[in-house]
Amino acid sequence: RSVFRRFRAEVLVNSGSLKQALISDSPLFSERNV
């Protein structure tokens, strides 16, 4: 939560399926930061 909300880090992924899995599996991720 610190990494993605306080530090405002963003995630770079190399496949659409990985992006969708992250967004689906955790409230920390959204279209904004993945």
All heavy atoms as atom14 arrays in JSON, in Angstrom:
{
  "sequence": "RSVFRRFRAEVLVNSGSLKQALISDSPLFSERNV",
  "atom14_mask": [
    [1, 1, 1, 1, 1, 1, 1, 1, 1, 1, 1, 0, 0, 0],
    [1, 1, 1, 1, 1, 1, 0, 0, 0, 0, 0, 0, 0, 0],
    [1, 1, 1, 1, 1, 1, 1, 0, 0, 0, 0, 0, 0, 0],
    [1, 1, 1, 1, 1, 1, 1, 1, 1, 1, 1, 0, 0, 0],
    [1, 1, 1, 1, 1, 1, 1, 1, 1, 1, 1, 0, 0, 0],
    [1, 1, 1, 1, 1, 1, 1, 1, 1, 1, 1, 0, 0, 0],
    [1, 1, 1, 1, 1, 1, 1, 1, 1, 1, 1, 0, 0, 0],
    [1, 1, 1, 1, 1, 1, 1, 1, 1, 1, 1, 0, 0, 0],
    [1, 1, 1, 1, 1, 0, 0, 0, 0, 0, 0, 0, 0, 0],
    [1, 1, 1, 1, 1, 1, 1, 1, 1, 0, 0, 0, 0, 0],
    [1, 1, 1, 1, 1, 1, 1, 0, 0, 0, 0, 0, 0, 0],
    [1, 1, 1, 1, 1, 1, 1, 1, 0, 0, 0, 0, 0, 0],
    [1, 1, 1, 1, 1, 1, 1, 0, 0, 0, 0, 0, 0, 0],
    [1, 1, 1, 1, 1, 1, 1, 1, 0, 0, 0, 0, 0, 0],
    [1, 1, 1, 1, 1, 1, 0, 0, 0, 0, 0, 0, 0, 0],
    [1, 1, 1, 1, 0, 0, 0, 0, 0, 0, 0, 0, 0, 0],
    [1, 1, 1, 1, 1, 1, 0, 0, 0, 0, 0, 0, 0, 0],
    [1, 1, 1, 1, 1, 1, 1, 1, 0, 0, 0, 0, 0, 0],
    [1, 1, 1, 1, 1, 1, 1, 1, 1, 0, 0, 0, 0, 0],
    [1, 1, 1, 1, 1, 1, 1, 1, 1, 0, 0, 0, 0, 0],
    [1, 1, 1, 1, 1, 0, 0, 0, 0, 0, 0, 0, 0, 0],
    [1, 1, 1, 1, 1, 1, 1, 1, 0, 0, 0, 0, 0, 0],
    [1, 1, 1, 1, 1, 1, 1, 1, 0, 0, 0, 0, 0, 0],
    [1, 1, 1, 1, 1, 1, 0, 0, 0, 0, 0, 0, 0, 0],
    [1, 1, 1, 1, 1, 1, 1, 1, 0, 0, 0, 0, 0, 0],
    [1, 1, 1, 1, 1, 1, 0, 0, 0, 0, 0, 0, 0, 0],
    [1, 1, 1, 1, 1, 1, 1, 0, 0, 0, 0, 0, 0, 0],
    [1, 1, 1, 1, 1, 1, 1, 1, 0, 0, 0, 0, 0, 0],
    [1, 1, 1, 1, 1, 1, 1, 1, 1, 1, 1, 0, 0, 0],
    [1, 1, 1, 1, 1, 1, 0, 0, 0, 0, 0, 0, 0, 0],
    [1, 1, 1, 1, 1, 1, 1, 1, 1, 0, 0, 0, 0, 0],
    [1, 1, 1, 1, 1, 1, 1, 1, 1, 1, 1, 0, 0, 0],
    [1, 1, 1, 1, 1, 1, 1, 1, 0, 0, 0, 0, 0, 0],
    [1, 1, 1, 1, 1, 1, 1, 0, 0, 0, 0, 0, 0, 0]
  ],
  "atom14_positions": [
    [[0.83, -1.2, 0.0], [0.0, 0.0, 0.0], [0.87, 1.25, 0.0], [0.55, 2.25, -0.65], [-0.96, -0.01, 1.19], [-2.13, -0.98, 1.03], [-3.26, -0.67, 1.99], [-2.86, -0.85, 3.38], [-2.94, -2.02, 4.03], [-3.42, -3.09, 3.42], [-2.58, -2.12, 5.3], [0.0, 0.0, 0.0], [0.0, 0.0, 0.0], [0.0, 0.0, 0.0]],
    [[1.98, 1.18, 0.73], [2.93, 2.31, 0.71], [3.52, 2.49, -0.68], [3.62, 3.61, -1.19], [4.05, 2.07, 1.73], [3.57, 2.02, 3.04], [0.0, 0.0, 0.0], [0.0, 0.0, 0.0], [0.0, 0.0, 0.0], [0.0, 0.0, 0.0], [0.0, 0.0, 0.0], [0.0, 0.0, 0.0], [0.0, 0.0, 0.0], [0.0, 0.0, 0.0]],
    [[3.93, 1.38, -1.29], [4.57, 1.45, -2.6], [3.65, 2.09, -3.63], [4.06, 2.98, -4.39], [5.0, 0.04, -3.07], [5.38, 0.05, -4.54], [6.17, -0.46, -2.22], [0.0, 0.0, 0.0], [0.0, 0.0, 0.0], [0.0, 0.0, 0.0], [0.0, 0.0, 0.0], [0.0, 0.0, 0.0], [0.0, 0.0, 0.0], [0.0, 0.0, 0.0]],
    [[2.37, 1.67, -3.65], [1.5, 2.1, -4.74], [0.6, 3.28, -4.38], [0.1, 3.94, -5.3], [0.66, 0.92, -5.23], [1.51, -0.15, -5.86], [1.73, -1.36, -5.21], [2.12, 0.08, -7.07], [2.53, -2.34, -5.78], [2.94, -0.9, -7.65], [3.14, -2.1, -7.0], [0.0, 0.0, 0.0], [0.0, 0.0, 0.0], [0.0, 0.0, 0.0]],
    [[0.44, 3.57, -3.12], [-0.42, 4.7, -2.76], [0.38, 5.89, -2.23], [0.15, 7.02, -2.64], [-1.48, 4.25, -1.76], [-2.49, 3.29, -2.42], [-3.52, 2.77, -1.45], [-4.47, 1.9, -2.17], [-5.35, 1.11, -1.56], [-5.41, 1.06, -0.23], [-6.17, 0.35, -2.27], [0.0, 0.0, 0.0], [0.0, 0.0, 0.0], [0.0, 0.0, 0.0]],
    [[1.32, 5.62, -1.34], [2.12, 6.72, -0.8], [3.25, 7.11, -1.75], [3.46, 8.29, -2.03], [2.67, 6.35, 0.57], [3.41, 7.51, 1.25], [3.73, 7.18, 2.68], [4.4, 8.27, 3.35], [3.8, 9.33, 3.88], [2.48, 9.44, 3.78], [4.48, 10.28, 4.48], [0.0, 0.0, 0.0], [0.0, 0.0, 0.0], [0.0, 0.0, 0.0]],
    [[3.99, 6.1, -2.24], [5.12, 6.39, -3.12], [4.69, 6.59, -4.57], [5.47, 7.04, -5.39], [6.16, 5.26, -3.06], [6.63, 4.89, -1.68], [7.15, 3.64, -1.43], [6.54, 5.8, -0.63], [7.59, 3.28, -0.16], [6.98, 5.47, 0.64], [7.48, 4.2, 0.89], [0.0, 0.0, 0.0], [0.0, 0.0, 0.0], [0.0, 0.0, 0.0]],
    [[3.47, 6.18, -4.89], [2.86, 6.37, -6.21], [3.65, 5.67, -7.32], [3.81, 6.2, -8.42], [2.68, 7.86, -6.51], [1.73, 8.57, -5.56], [1.6, 10.02, -5.91], [1.01, 10.2, -7.25], [1.1, 11.34, -7.93], [1.77, 12.36, -7.45], [0.54, 11.42, -9.12], [0.0, 0.0, 0.0], [0.0, 0.0, 0.0], [0.0, 0.0, 0.0]],
    [[4.14, 4.49, -7.02], [4.84, 3.71, -8.04], [3.84, 3.18, -9.06], [2.64, 3.02, -8.78], [5.59, 2.56, -7.39], [0.0, 0.0, 0.0], [0.0, 0.0, 0.0], [0.0, 0.0, 0.0], [0.0, 0.0, 0.0], [0.0, 0.0, 0.0], [0.0, 0.0, 0.0], [0.0, 0.0, 0.0], [0.0, 0.0, 0.0], [0.0, 0.0, 0.0]],
    [[4.34, 2.91, -10.26], [3.53, 2.34, -11.32], [4.18, 1.06, -11.82], [5.39, 0.87, -11.68], [3.36, 3.35, -12.46], [2.76, 4.66, -11.96], [2.28, 5.57, -13.06], [2.43, 5.21, -14.24], [1.74, 6.64, -12.73], [0.0, 0.0, 0.0], [0.0, 0.0, 0.0], [0.0, 0.0, 0.0], [0.0, 0.0, 0.0], [0.0, 0.0, 0.0]],
    [[3.37, 0.16, -12.37], [3.85, -1.15, -12.79], [3.85, -1.24, -14.31], [2.9, -0.82, -14.97], [2.98, -2.29, -12.2], [3.45, -3.65, -12.7], [3.04, -2.25, -10.68], [0.0, 0.0, 0.0], [0.0, 0.0, 0.0], [0.0, 0.0, 0.0], [0.0, 0.0, 0.0], [0.0, 0.0, 0.0], [0.0, 0.0, 0.0], [0.0, 0.0, 0.0]],
    [[4.92, -1.78, -14.83], [5.04, -2.06, -16.26], [5.0, -3.56, -16.47], [5.78, -4.3, -15.85], [6.37, -1.49, -16.79], [6.81, -1.92, -18.19], [5.76, -1.56, -19.23], [8.15, -1.31, -18.53], [0.0, 0.0, 0.0], [0.0, 0.0, 0.0], [0.0, 0.0, 0.0], [0.0, 0.0, 0.0], [0.0, 0.0, 0.0], [0.0, 0.0, 0.0]],
    [[4.1, -4.04, -17.32], [3.98, -5.47, -17.63], [4.15, -5.67, -19.13], [4.02, -4.72, -19.92], [2.63, -6.05, -17.16], [2.49, -5.95, -15.64], [1.47, -5.33, -17.85], [0.0, 0.0, 0.0], [0.0, 0.0, 0.0], [0.0, 0.0, 0.0], [0.0, 0.0, 0.0], [0.0, 0.0, 0.0], [0.0, 0.0, 0.0], [0.0, 0.0, 0.0]],
    [[4.44, -6.92, -19.52], [4.73, -7.18, -20.93], [3.66, -7.99, -21.65], [3.87, -8.44, -22.78], [6.09, -7.89, -21.06], [6.1, -9.25, -20.38], [5.07, -9.73, -19.9], [7.26, -9.86, -20.31], [0.0, 0.0, 0.0], [0.0, 0.0, 0.0], [0.0, 0.0, 0.0], [0.0, 0.0, 0.0], [0.0, 0.0, 0.0], [0.0, 0.0, 0.0]],
    [[2.49, -8.18, -21.01], [1.39, -8.86, -21.7], [0.06, -8.36, -21.16], [-0.05, -7.97, -19.99], [1.48, -10.38, -21.54], [1.12, -10.78, -20.23], [0.0, 0.0, 0.0], [0.0, 0.0, 0.0], [0.0, 0.0, 0.0], [0.0, 0.0, 0.0], [0.0, 0.0, 0.0], [0.0, 0.0, 0.0], [0.0, 0.0, 0.0], [0.0, 0.0, 0.0]],
    [[-0.95, -8.37, -22.03], [-2.27, -7.93, -21.63], [-2.9, -8.84, -20.6], [-3.62, -8.39, -19.71], [0.0, 0.0, 0.0], [0.0, 0.0, 0.0], [0.0, 0.0, 0.0], [0.0, 0.0, 0.0], [0.0, 0.0, 0.0], [0.0, 0.0, 0.0], [0.0, 0.0, 0.0], [0.0, 0.0, 0.0], [0.0, 0.0, 0.0], [0.0, 0.0, 0.0]],
    [[-2.62, -10.15, -20.71], [-3.19, -11.08, -19.75], [-2.62, -10.84, -18.36], [-3.34, -10.96, -17.35], [-2.92, -12.52, -20.2], [-1.54, -12.75, -20.37], [0.0, 0.0, 0.0], [0.0, 0.0, 0.0], [0.0, 0.0, 0.0], [0.0, 0.0, 0.0], [0.0, 0.0, 0.0], [0.0, 0.0, 0.0], [0.0, 0.0, 0.0], [0.0, 0.0, 0.0]],
    [[-1.35, -10.49, -18.28], [-0.75, -10.18, -16.99], [-1.34, -8.9, -16.41], [-1.63, -8.82, -15.2], [0.77, -10.06, -17.16], [1.61, -9.77, -15.92], [1.29, -10.74, -14.79], [3.09, -9.83, -16.27], [0.0, 0.0, 0.0], [0.0, 0.0, 0.0], [0.0, 0.0, 0.0], [0.0, 0.0, 0.0], [0.0, 0.0, 0.0], [0.0, 0.0, 0.0]],
    [[-1.55, -7.92, -17.24], [-2.17, -6.67, -16.77], [-3.56, -6.93, -16.2], [-3.89, -6.46, -15.1], [-2.25, -5.67, -17.92], [-2.97, -4.38, -17.56], [-2.99, -3.39, -18.73], [-3.74, -2.13, -18.35], [-3.72, -1.12, -19.44], [0.0, 0.0, 0.0], [0.0, 0.0, 0.0], [0.0, 0.0, 0.0], [0.0, 0.0, 0.0], [0.0, 0.0, 0.0]],
    [[-4.37, -7.67, -16.94], [-5.73, -7.94, -16.46], [-5.74, -8.76, -15.19], [-6.58, -8.54, -14.31], [-6.53, -8.64, -17.57], [-6.82, -7.74, -18.76], [-7.45, -6.42, -18.36], [-8.41, -6.38, -17.59], [-6.91, -5.32, -18.89], [0.0, 0.0, 0.0], [0.0, 0.0, 0.0], [0.0, 0.0, 0.0], [0.0, 0.0, 0.0], [0.0, 0.0, 0.0]],
    [[-4.79, -9.7, -15.07], [-4.72, -10.51, -13.85], [-4.39, -9.65, -12.64], [-4.98, -9.82, -11.56], [-3.68, -11.62, -14.02], [0.0, 0.0, 0.0], [0.0, 0.0, 0.0], [0.0, 0.0, 0.0], [0.0, 0.0, 0.0], [0.0, 0.0, 0.0], [0.0, 0.0, 0.0], [0.0, 0.0, 0.0], [0.0, 0.0, 0.0], [0.0, 0.0, 0.0]],
    [[-3.46, -8.72, -12.79], [-3.11, -7.83, -11.68], [-4.31, -6.98, -11.26], [-4.62, -6.88, -10.07], [-1.95, -6.91, -12.09], [-0.53, -7.43, -12.0], [0.44, -6.33, -12.39], [-0.21, -7.94, -10.6], [0.0, 0.0, 0.0], [0.0, 0.0, 0.0], [0.0, 0.0, 0.0], [0.0, 0.0, 0.0], [0.0, 0.0, 0.0], [0.0, 0.0, 0.0]],
    [[-4.96, -6.38, -12.24], [-6.09, -5.5, -11.92], [-7.24, -6.28, -11.29], [-7.9, -5.8, -10.37], [-6.55, -4.77, -13.2], [-5.46, -3.81, -13.68], [-7.86, -4.03, -12.96], [-5.74, -3.16, -15.02], [0.0, 0.0, 0.0], [0.0, 0.0, 0.0], [0.0, 0.0, 0.0], [0.0, 0.0, 0.0], [0.0, 0.0, 0.0], [0.0, 0.0, 0.0]],
    [[-7.45, -7.52, -11.74], [-8.54, -8.34, -11.21], [-8.25, -8.84, -9.81], [-9.16, -8.99, -8.99], [-8.8, -9.53, -12.13], [-9.17, -9.11, -13.41], [0.0, 0.0, 0.0], [0.0, 0.0, 0.0], [0.0, 0.0, 0.0], [0.0, 0.0, 0.0], [0.0, 0.0, 0.0], [0.0, 0.0, 0.0], [0.0, 0.0, 0.0], [0.0, 0.0, 0.0]],
    [[-6.96, -9.11, -9.51], [-6.61, -9.79, -8.27], [-6.36, -8.87, -7.09], [-6.34, -9.33, -5.95], [-5.35, -10.64, -8.48], [-5.61, -11.83, -9.39], [-6.79, -12.1, -9.68], [-4.64, -12.47, -9.83], [0.0, 0.0, 0.0], [0.0, 0.0, 0.0], [0.0, 0.0, 0.0], [0.0, 0.0, 0.0], [0.0, 0.0, 0.0], [0.0, 0.0, 0.0]],
    [[-6.15, -7.58, -7.32], [-5.75, -6.7, -6.21], [-6.36, -5.31, -6.35], [-6.33, -4.73, -7.44], [-4.23, -6.58, -6.15], [-3.84, -5.62, -5.18], [0.0, 0.0, 0.0], [0.0, 0.0, 0.0], [0.0, 0.0, 0.0], [0.0, 0.0, 0.0], [0.0, 0.0, 0.0], [0.0, 0.0, 0.0], [0.0, 0.0, 0.0], [0.0, 0.0, 0.0]],
    [[-6.86, -4.75, -5.25], [-7.38, -3.38, -5.28], [-6.28, -2.33, -5.42], [-6.58, -1.15, -5.62], [-8.1, -3.25, -3.94], [-7.4, -4.23, -3.04], [-7.03, -5.38, -3.93], [0.0, 0.0, 0.0], [0.0, 0.0, 0.0], [0.0, 0.0, 0.0], [0.0, 0.0, 0.0], [0.0, 0.0, 0.0], [0.0, 0.0, 0.0], [0.0, 0.0, 0.0]],
    [[-5.02, -2.75, -5.33], [-3.91, -1.81, -5.47], [-3.71, -1.37, -6.92], [-3.04, -0.37, -7.17], [-2.61, -2.44, -4.95], [-2.57, -2.79, -3.47], [-1.28, -3.53, -3.14], [-2.69, -1.53, -2.62], [0.0, 0.0, 0.0], [0.0, 0.0, 0.0], [0.0, 0.0, 0.0], [0.0, 0.0, 0.0], [0.0, 0.0, 0.0], [0.0, 0.0, 0.0]],
    [[-4.29, -2.14, -7.87], [-3.99, -1.9, -9.27], [-5.23, -1.47, -10.04], [-6.35, -1.89, -9.74], [-3.38, -3.15, -9.9], [-2.12, -3.59, -9.21], [-2.07, -4.81, -8.54], [-1.0, -2.79, -9.22], [-0.92, -5.21, -7.9], [0.17, -3.18, -8.58], [0.21, -4.39, -7.92], [0.0, 0.0, 0.0], [0.0, 0.0, 0.0], [0.0, 0.0, 0.0]],
    [[-4.99, -0.67, -11.05], [-6.08, -0.19, -11.92], [-5.47, 0.16, -13.28], [-4.26, 0.08, -13.48], [-6.75, 1.04, -11.32], [-5.84, 2.13, -11.32], [0.0, 0.0, 0.0], [0.0, 0.0, 0.0], [0.0, 0.0, 0.0], [0.0, 0.0, 0.0], [0.0, 0.0, 0.0], [0.0, 0.0, 0.0], [0.0, 0.0, 0.0], [0.0, 0.0, 0.0]],
    [[-6.32, 0.58, -14.19], [-5.84, 1.04, -15.49], [-4.89, 2.22, -15.36], [-4.05, 2.45, -16.22], [-7.02, 1.44, -16.38], [-7.89, 0.28, -16.84], [-7.2, -0.57, -17.91], [-6.22, -0.09, -18.52], [-7.65, -1.71, -18.13], [0.0, 0.0, 0.0], [0.0, 0.0, 0.0], [0.0, 0.0, 0.0], [0.0, 0.0, 0.0], [0.0, 0.0, 0.0]],
    [[-4.99, 2.93, -14.26], [-4.16, 4.12, -14.08], [-2.71, 3.77, -13.79], [-1.8, 4.46, -14.27], [-4.7, 4.97, -12.91], [-3.94, 6.27, -12.69], [-4.24, 6.88, -11.34], [-3.82, 6.0, -10.25], [-2.56, 5.89, -9.84], [-1.6, 6.56, -10.43], [-2.25, 5.08, -8.83], [0.0, 0.0, 0.0], [0.0, 0.0, 0.0], [0.0, 0.0, 0.0]],
    [[-2.46, 2.71, -13.01], [-1.08, 2.48, -12.58], [-0.47, 1.18, -13.1], [0.62, 0.79, -12.65], [-0.97, 2.55, -11.05], [-1.69, 1.4, -10.35], [-2.41, 0.62, -10.98], [-1.52, 1.31, -9.04], [0.0, 0.0, 0.0], [0.0, 0.0, 0.0], [0.0, 0.0, 0.0], [0.0, 0.0, 0.0], [0.0, 0.0, 0.0], [0.0, 0.0, 0.0]],
    [[-1.14, 0.5, -14.02], [-0.56, -0.68, -14.66], [-0.48, -0.4, -16.15], [-1.5, -0.1, -16.8], [-1.38, -1.95, -14.39], [-0.71, -3.16, -15.06], [-1.53, -2.2, -12.89], [0.0, 0.0, 0.0], [0.0, 0.0, 0.0], [0.0, 0.0, 0.0], [0.0, 0.0, 0.0], [0.0, 0.0, 0.0], [0.0, 0.0, 0.0], [0.0, 0.0, 0.0]]
  ]
}
